[in-house]
Protein backbone atom coordinates (compact mmCIF):
# COMPACT_ATOMS: atom_id res chain seq x y z
CA MET A 1 167.06 0.64 -22.69
CA ARG A 2 166.45 0.60 -18.53
CA TYR A 3 168.32 -1.19 -16.44
CA GLU A 4 167.58 0.71 -13.21
CA GLY A 5 166.89 -1.93 -10.17
CA ILE A 6 167.09 -5.14 -11.86
CA PRO A 7 166.77 -8.24 -9.77
CA ILE A 8 169.87 -10.21 -10.71
CA ILE A 9 172.07 -7.73 -10.02
CA ASP A 10 170.49 -7.65 -6.27
CA MET A 11 170.30 -11.07 -6.14
CA LEU A 12 174.30 -11.69 -7.56
CA LYS A 13 175.06 -8.73 -5.28
CA GLU A 14 174.34 -11.07 -1.88
CA GLU A 15 174.96 -14.29 -3.85
CA LYS A 16 177.30 -15.74 -1.24
CA GLY A 17 177.74 -19.50 -2.73
CA SER A 18 178.97 -21.02 -5.75
CA ILE A 19 178.12 -19.62 -9.36
CA LEU A 20 178.60 -21.14 -12.55
CA VAL A 21 178.59 -18.84 -16.04
CA PHE A 22 178.26 -20.72 -18.86
CA SER A 23 177.80 -20.93 -22.73
CA HIS A 24 175.90 -22.78 -25.34
CA GLU A 25 177.28 -25.20 -27.10
CA ASN A 26 179.69 -24.62 -30.16
CA PRO A 27 180.12 -21.26 -28.71
CA ASP A 28 180.63 -17.99 -30.67
CA ALA A 29 181.95 -14.48 -29.49
CA ASP A 30 178.67 -13.22 -28.05
CA THR A 31 178.11 -16.29 -25.59
CA LEU A 32 181.43 -16.98 -24.81
CA GLY A 33 182.43 -13.02 -24.60
CA SER A 34 179.23 -12.21 -22.59
CA ALA A 35 179.88 -15.79 -20.39
CA LEU A 36 183.64 -14.31 -20.05
CA ALA A 37 183.32 -10.89 -19.23
CA LEU A 38 180.01 -11.76 -16.59
CA TYR A 39 182.50 -14.25 -15.00
CA LEU A 40 185.52 -11.86 -14.82
CA PHE A 41 183.26 -9.40 -13.34
CA LEU A 42 181.92 -11.31 -10.31
CA LYS A 43 185.88 -12.66 -9.73
CA LYS A 44 186.50 -8.75 -9.19
CA LYS A 45 183.79 -8.57 -6.50
CA GLY A 46 184.67 -11.56 -4.87
CA LYS A 47 182.37 -14.20 -5.83
CA ASN A 48 183.11 -18.28 -5.99
CA VAL A 49 182.37 -18.27 -9.83
CA LYS A 50 183.64 -20.21 -12.31
CA VAL A 51 183.06 -20.32 -16.36
CA GLY A 52 181.89 -23.34 -18.11
CA CYS A 53 181.20 -24.73 -21.95
CA LYS A 54 180.74 -28.51 -23.25
CA ASP A 55 182.75 -27.47 -26.60
CA LYS A 56 186.40 -26.53 -26.39
CA VAL A 57 187.38 -22.75 -27.14
CA PRO A 58 187.47 -22.56 -30.95
CA HIS A 59 190.61 -21.20 -32.74
CA PHE A 60 188.70 -18.44 -33.50
CA LEU A 61 187.85 -17.27 -29.94
CA ASP A 62 190.92 -18.09 -28.26
CA PHE A 63 192.17 -14.33 -28.11
CA LEU A 64 189.73 -13.79 -25.70
CA PRO A 65 191.08 -12.93 -22.24
CA HIS A 66 191.53 -15.58 -19.83
CA CYS A 67 189.56 -18.83 -22.19
CA GLU A 68 191.85 -21.10 -21.04
CA GLU A 69 189.94 -20.37 -17.73
CA VAL A 70 186.82 -22.01 -19.25
CA ILE A 71 185.88 -25.38 -17.72
CA PRO A 72 184.81 -28.56 -19.45
CA LEU A 73 181.18 -29.40 -18.97
CA PRO A 74 179.43 -31.35 -17.49
CA THR A 75 180.96 -31.12 -14.02
CA PRO A 76 180.34 -33.12 -10.61
CA GLU A 77 179.39 -30.16 -9.02
CA VAL A 78 175.96 -28.41 -8.03
CA PHE A 79 176.27 -24.51 -8.45
CA ASP A 80 174.30 -22.72 -5.87
CA THR A 81 173.12 -20.52 -9.16
CA GLY A 82 173.65 -20.81 -12.79
CA ILE A 83 173.59 -18.62 -15.18
CA ILE A 84 173.54 -19.69 -18.98
CA VAL A 85 173.87 -16.56 -21.40
CA ASP A 86 172.97 -15.77 -25.09
CA ALA A 87 170.80 -19.19 -25.01
CA SER A 88 167.12 -19.94 -25.07
CA GLY A 89 167.61 -22.06 -22.36
CA PHE A 90 170.08 -24.85 -20.03
CA TYR A 91 169.12 -27.04 -22.66
CA ARG A 92 171.46 -25.16 -25.05
CA ALA A 93 174.44 -25.84 -23.19
CA GLY A 94 174.55 -29.33 -24.67
CA THR A 95 174.38 -31.31 -21.39
CA GLU A 96 173.56 -31.64 -17.99
CA VAL A 97 174.60 -28.38 -15.49
CA ARG A 98 173.31 -28.74 -11.88
CA ALA A 99 172.10 -25.54 -10.28
CA ILE A 100 170.08 -24.67 -6.95
CA LYS A 101 168.73 -21.29 -8.91
CA LYS A 102 168.98 -20.93 -12.48
CA VAL A 103 168.75 -17.68 -15.01
CA ARG A 104 169.32 -17.06 -18.54
CA ILE A 105 170.27 -13.68 -19.68
CA ASP A 106 169.98 -13.69 -23.41
CA HIS A 107 168.69 -11.51 -26.68
CA HIS A 108 166.57 -14.30 -28.10
CA ILE A 109 162.64 -13.83 -28.54
CA GLY A 110 160.81 -16.84 -26.37
CA GLY A 111 162.80 -19.51 -24.56
CA GLU A 112 163.04 -20.85 -21.22
CA PHE A 113 162.02 -18.56 -18.07
CA TYR A 114 162.98 -19.86 -14.77
CA SER A 115 162.98 -17.02 -12.25
CA PRO A 116 162.37 -13.39 -11.74
CA TYR A 117 166.34 -12.68 -11.84
CA ASP A 118 166.07 -14.05 -15.84
CA TYR A 119 166.76 -10.75 -17.83
CA ILE A 120 165.75 -11.18 -21.62
CA ASP A 121 165.95 -7.86 -23.60
CA PRO A 122 164.85 -8.58 -27.87
CA SER A 123 165.75 -5.41 -28.18
CA ALA A 124 169.36 -5.33 -27.59
CA PRO A 125 172.16 -5.84 -30.46
CA SER A 126 173.39 -8.66 -28.75
CA THR A 127 173.89 -10.26 -25.27
CA THR A 128 177.33 -8.73 -24.70
CA ALA A 129 174.91 -5.19 -24.88
CA ILE A 130 172.66 -6.20 -22.08
CA ILE A 131 175.97 -7.59 -19.99
CA TYR A 132 177.77 -4.31 -21.07
CA HIS A 133 174.61 -2.29 -19.02
CA LEU A 134 174.16 -5.09 -16.40
CA LEU A 135 177.79 -4.15 -15.51
CA LYS A 136 177.71 -0.58 -16.07
CA THR A 137 174.73 -0.31 -13.69
CA TRP A 138 176.47 -2.14 -11.02
CA ASP A 139 179.89 -0.80 -10.91
CA GLU A 140 180.96 0.93 -13.78
CA SER A 141 184.54 1.69 -12.41
CA ALA A 142 185.15 -2.63 -12.38
CA ILE A 143 185.05 -2.85 -16.12
CA ASP A 144 188.86 -2.73 -17.45
CA GLN A 145 190.25 -3.73 -20.41
CA GLU A 146 189.86 -7.27 -20.56
CA ILE A 147 186.04 -7.05 -19.84
CA ALA A 148 185.34 -4.44 -22.25
CA GLU A 149 187.06 -6.77 -25.23
CA CYS A 150 185.08 -9.62 -24.04
CA LEU A 151 182.12 -7.41 -24.71
CA TYR A 152 183.23 -5.40 -27.84
CA ALA A 153 184.02 -8.76 -29.23
CA GLY A 154 180.32 -10.24 -28.86
CA LEU A 155 178.87 -6.73 -29.76
CA ALA A 156 180.96 -6.50 -33.23
CA THR A 157 180.76 -10.13 -34.06
CA ASP A 158 176.15 -10.15 -33.86
CA THR A 159 176.31 -6.68 -35.56
CA GLY A 160 178.35 -8.20 -38.55
CA PHE A 161 180.80 -5.93 -37.54
CA PHE A 162 178.36 -3.07 -37.69
CA LYS A 163 177.06 -4.01 -40.69
CA TYR A 164 173.53 -5.91 -39.89
CA SER A 165 170.16 -4.07 -39.23
CA ASN A 166 170.47 -4.60 -35.34
CA THR A 167 173.46 -1.44 -35.98
CA ASN A 168 171.96 1.85 -34.41
CA ALA A 169 173.65 4.95 -32.85
CA ASP A 170 173.15 3.39 -29.60
CA THR A 171 174.97 0.42 -30.66
CA PHE A 172 178.17 2.67 -31.97
CA GLN A 173 177.76 4.90 -28.65
CA MET A 174 178.25 1.14 -26.63
CA ALA A 175 181.36 0.63 -29.08
CA LYS A 176 182.57 3.84 -28.42
CA GLU A 177 183.07 3.64 -24.71
CA LEU A 178 184.00 -0.23 -24.86
CA VAL A 179 186.74 0.83 -26.76
CA GLU A 180 187.43 4.01 -24.34
CA LYS A 181 187.74 1.19 -21.55
CA GLY A 182 190.38 -0.70 -23.49
CA ALA A 183 188.78 -3.00 -26.52
CA ASP A 184 191.05 -2.85 -29.53
CA PRO A 185 188.38 -3.12 -32.88
CA HIS A 186 191.57 -3.94 -35.06
CA LYS A 187 192.67 -6.33 -33.03
CA VAL A 188 189.00 -7.66 -32.15
CA TYR A 189 188.49 -7.94 -36.16
CA VAL A 190 191.95 -9.59 -37.03
CA MET A 191 191.67 -12.32 -34.60
CA PHE A 192 188.31 -13.13 -35.49
CA SER A 193 188.42 -12.94 -39.15
CA GLU A 194 191.98 -12.93 -40.73
CA ARG A 195 193.30 -15.90 -39.12
CA GLU A 196 191.67 -19.16 -41.45
CA SER A 197 193.71 -22.02 -41.82
CA LEU A 198 194.40 -23.54 -45.15
CA GLY A 199 192.03 -26.53 -44.10
CA LYS A 200 188.81 -24.24 -43.66
CA MET A 201 189.73 -22.44 -47.07
CA ARG A 202 189.84 -25.69 -48.71
CA LEU A 203 186.25 -26.52 -46.72
CA ILE A 204 184.87 -23.21 -48.03
CA SER A 205 185.75 -24.91 -51.58
CA LYS A 206 184.02 -28.27 -51.24
CA ALA A 207 180.81 -26.12 -49.13
CA LEU A 208 180.26 -23.85 -52.51
CA ASP A 209 180.65 -26.80 -54.67
CA THR A 210 177.39 -27.53 -53.01
CA LEU A 211 175.58 -24.17 -53.66
CA THR A 212 172.35 -24.25 -55.33
CA LEU A 213 169.31 -21.87 -55.30
CA TYR A 214 165.75 -22.31 -54.76
CA GLU A 215 162.07 -21.00 -54.70
CA ASP A 216 163.45 -19.06 -58.13
CA GLY A 217 166.39 -17.34 -56.44
CA LEU A 218 165.17 -16.31 -53.05
CA VAL A 219 166.69 -19.25 -51.39
CA ALA A 220 170.48 -19.95 -51.27
CA GLY A 221 171.40 -22.92 -49.37
CA ILE A 222 175.08 -25.04 -48.98
CA ILE A 223 175.38 -28.33 -47.47
CA ILE A 224 178.65 -29.10 -45.20
CA TYR A 225 178.71 -32.93 -45.03
CA ASP A 226 180.97 -34.76 -42.40
CA ARG A 227 183.17 -36.03 -44.61
CA PHE A 228 184.35 -32.15 -45.78
CA PHE A 229 186.06 -32.07 -42.00
CA LYS A 230 187.43 -35.51 -42.40
CA GLU A 231 188.98 -34.48 -45.90
CA THR A 232 190.13 -30.96 -45.32
CA GLY A 233 191.31 -31.67 -41.32
CA THR A 234 188.97 -29.66 -40.17
CA THR A 235 186.04 -29.78 -37.32
CA TYR A 236 182.59 -28.26 -36.34
CA PRO A 237 183.69 -24.68 -35.68
CA ASP A 238 185.48 -23.84 -38.78
CA SER A 239 181.77 -24.15 -40.47
CA GLU A 240 181.25 -20.77 -38.60
CA GLY A 241 179.93 -17.79 -40.75
CA LEU A 242 179.86 -20.36 -44.42
CA VAL A 243 176.39 -19.51 -44.23
CA ASN A 244 177.30 -15.63 -45.26
CA PHE A 245 178.28 -17.20 -48.74
CA PRO A 246 174.49 -17.65 -49.83
CA ARG A 247 173.36 -14.94 -48.34
CA SER A 248 175.70 -12.61 -50.24
CA ILE A 249 173.89 -13.15 -53.62
CA GLU A 250 171.50 -11.13 -55.03
CA GLY A 251 167.97 -11.35 -54.78
CA VAL A 252 168.80 -13.92 -51.69
CA GLU A 253 166.10 -13.23 -49.00
CA VAL A 254 166.77 -16.66 -46.66
CA ALA A 255 170.21 -18.48 -46.87
CA PHE A 256 171.38 -21.58 -45.02
CA ALA A 257 174.15 -23.73 -44.40
CA LEU A 258 173.40 -27.38 -43.67
CA ILE A 259 175.78 -29.12 -41.54
CA GLU A 260 175.99 -32.80 -41.02
CA LYS A 261 176.59 -33.89 -37.61
CA ALA A 262 176.97 -37.46 -37.80
CA ASP A 263 178.11 -37.79 -33.90
CA GLU A 264 175.12 -36.44 -32.79
CA GLY A 265 172.55 -37.93 -35.94
CA VAL A 266 171.15 -34.73 -37.09
CA TRP A 267 171.51 -31.55 -38.96
CA LYS A 268 172.40 -28.36 -37.86
CA ALA A 269 171.07 -25.69 -39.97
CA SER A 270 172.29 -22.28 -39.81
CA LEU A 271 169.72 -19.70 -41.24
CA ARG A 272 169.96 -15.95 -42.24
CA SER A 273 167.66 -13.68 -43.30
CA LYS A 274 168.60 -9.99 -45.61
CA GLU A 275 165.51 -8.07 -44.59
CA LYS A 276 161.86 -9.48 -45.53
CA VAL A 277 161.42 -13.01 -43.79
CA ASN A 278 161.87 -13.65 -40.06
CA VAL A 279 164.20 -16.83 -40.16
CA ALA A 280 163.28 -17.06 -36.33
CA SER A 281 160.05 -18.52 -37.33
CA VAL A 282 161.29 -20.94 -39.69
CA ALA A 283 163.91 -21.94 -36.80
CA GLN A 284 160.99 -22.41 -34.02
CA ARG A 285 158.47 -24.59 -37.00
CA LEU A 286 161.92 -27.19 -36.27
CA GLY A 287 162.42 -27.11 -32.98
CA GLY A 288 164.56 -24.47 -33.21
CA GLY A 289 165.02 -20.45 -32.33
CA GLY A 290 166.89 -17.32 -32.73
CA HIS A 291 166.45 -13.77 -34.32
CA LYS A 292 164.49 -12.72 -37.04
CA TYR A 293 167.57 -12.22 -39.18
CA ALA A 294 170.23 -15.07 -37.91
CA SER A 295 168.42 -18.38 -36.41
CA GLY A 296 169.68 -22.44 -36.26
CA CYS A 297 167.88 -25.54 -35.54
CA LYS A 298 168.50 -29.77 -35.50
CA ILE A 299 167.04 -31.56 -37.83
CA LYS A 300 166.44 -35.33 -37.58
CA ALA A 301 166.85 -36.82 -41.22
CA ASP A 302 168.20 -40.22 -42.66
CA SER A 303 170.05 -37.64 -45.47
CA ALA A 304 171.13 -34.74 -46.82
CA GLN A 305 168.11 -34.58 -49.47
CA SER A 306 165.57 -35.23 -46.51
CA ALA A 307 166.68 -32.47 -44.37
CA VAL A 308 167.10 -30.04 -47.00
CA GLU A 309 163.24 -30.95 -48.03
CA LEU A 310 161.88 -30.26 -44.47
CA LEU A 311 163.77 -26.80 -44.22
CA LEU A 312 162.86 -25.74 -47.73
CA SER A 313 159.36 -26.33 -46.39
CA ALA A 314 159.48 -24.30 -42.96
CA ILE A 315 161.51 -21.60 -45.13
CA ARG A 316 158.21 -21.70 -47.99
CA GLU A 317 155.60 -21.46 -45.17
CA GLU A 318 157.40 -18.30 -43.85
CA LEU A 319 157.22 -17.11 -47.61
CA ASN A 320 153.77 -17.80 -47.98
CA GLN A 321 153.17 -16.02 -44.30
CA GLU A 322 154.86 -13.02 -45.57
CA GLN A 323 153.57 -12.66 -48.86
CA THR A 324 149.63 -12.94 -47.14
CA GLN A 325 151.11 -10.29 -44.95
CA LEU A 326 151.59 -8.06 -47.25
CA GLN A 327 148.52 -8.14 -49.25
CA VAL A 328 146.80 -7.68 -46.16
CA GLN A 329 148.82 -4.43 -45.27
CA CYS A 330 148.42 -3.41 -49.06
CA PRO A 331 145.53 -4.73 -51.01
CA ALA A 332 145.02 -4.27 -54.70
C-alpha cells in the first residue's frame, strides 16, 4: 500500500474549521479505534475536532483511551468537515450528521463516495490499518501510546486477533510497530475478550438453543430474540461476536446471527464465511455490505421465520453462484 501524496492529509493540514470524526452505529473496535485515533492525532495538531457516535460506547470498548470524550449523535452543530470511518457511507451513522464537506475512510468494497478526499482501501486488514498509515505518513512522531492502543485494538479484533485470512506479514509488522509505540496486546485482549457478564453468558446459552444447520450443514445460524435481552438483563452490544459460535462448526461455510431489533422493526443479520463464500455479496443482495468474510444487513420482516427465509434465499444464490464459477474453472 502506498500512501504518499494523499489528498485527505493535505486537506486536513489546511482545515481551519470544525471537524467531526465519527463511527458507525453499534460500534466495534475498528470503527471506534479508528475514530478515536484520528481524533486524538488531530487534537495534537491543534485542530478544532470532536469525535462522535450515535450509540453509547459499549462495555467491551470502554477501555479505549479518551472514549469518554465521544459525543452523542445527532448534534445540532454543522461541521465544516465530517469524516466517517469504517463505514460504507454517512447513513451508517444511524442518524443525521451535518457537514459541509463529507469524507469517508474505509476498507469495505463499494459504498458511497463523497469527494477526492475519501480514502478507501479494500486490501487493508482494518480501517485502523489505513488510519495508521495516514498518520504515519503525516507525522509518525505524533503517534503516542494512546493512539497506538486505539489502532492496535481495531487491527487485532478485525483480524480475529491475527487468525483470519486478512492476516499476513504486513499485518504482523504493523502490530509490531504499534506495540513498540506503546500498545499492550495482553491488555487489549483481556479488556475486549475476558470481561463478559453473567448476563451475556446466559444470552449465549439462549442463543445456542436456537442453533440450526441448513443446506446440508453448509450454513449454520442462531436467532437472538429481543426477549432474550430482557430475560438476561443484556443489551444489543452483548450480541457482538456470537456469530462465531455457528461459524466454528466443522463443515459450515456460512454462519449467521439473526438479531431482533424491536425498536427499529428489523432483524439485524451478522454474516461470517470461512473461505469459499463471499458473504459481502449475500449482504448486498439484502441492502447491506461488508467484507468477503464478514458482513451484515438489516432485514425488514414480520417474523424470525420470514427473516431466515429471506436470508437463506440470498445465501443459496451465492452458494449456487460459487458452485457455477467452480464448474467453469474446473470443467469435468
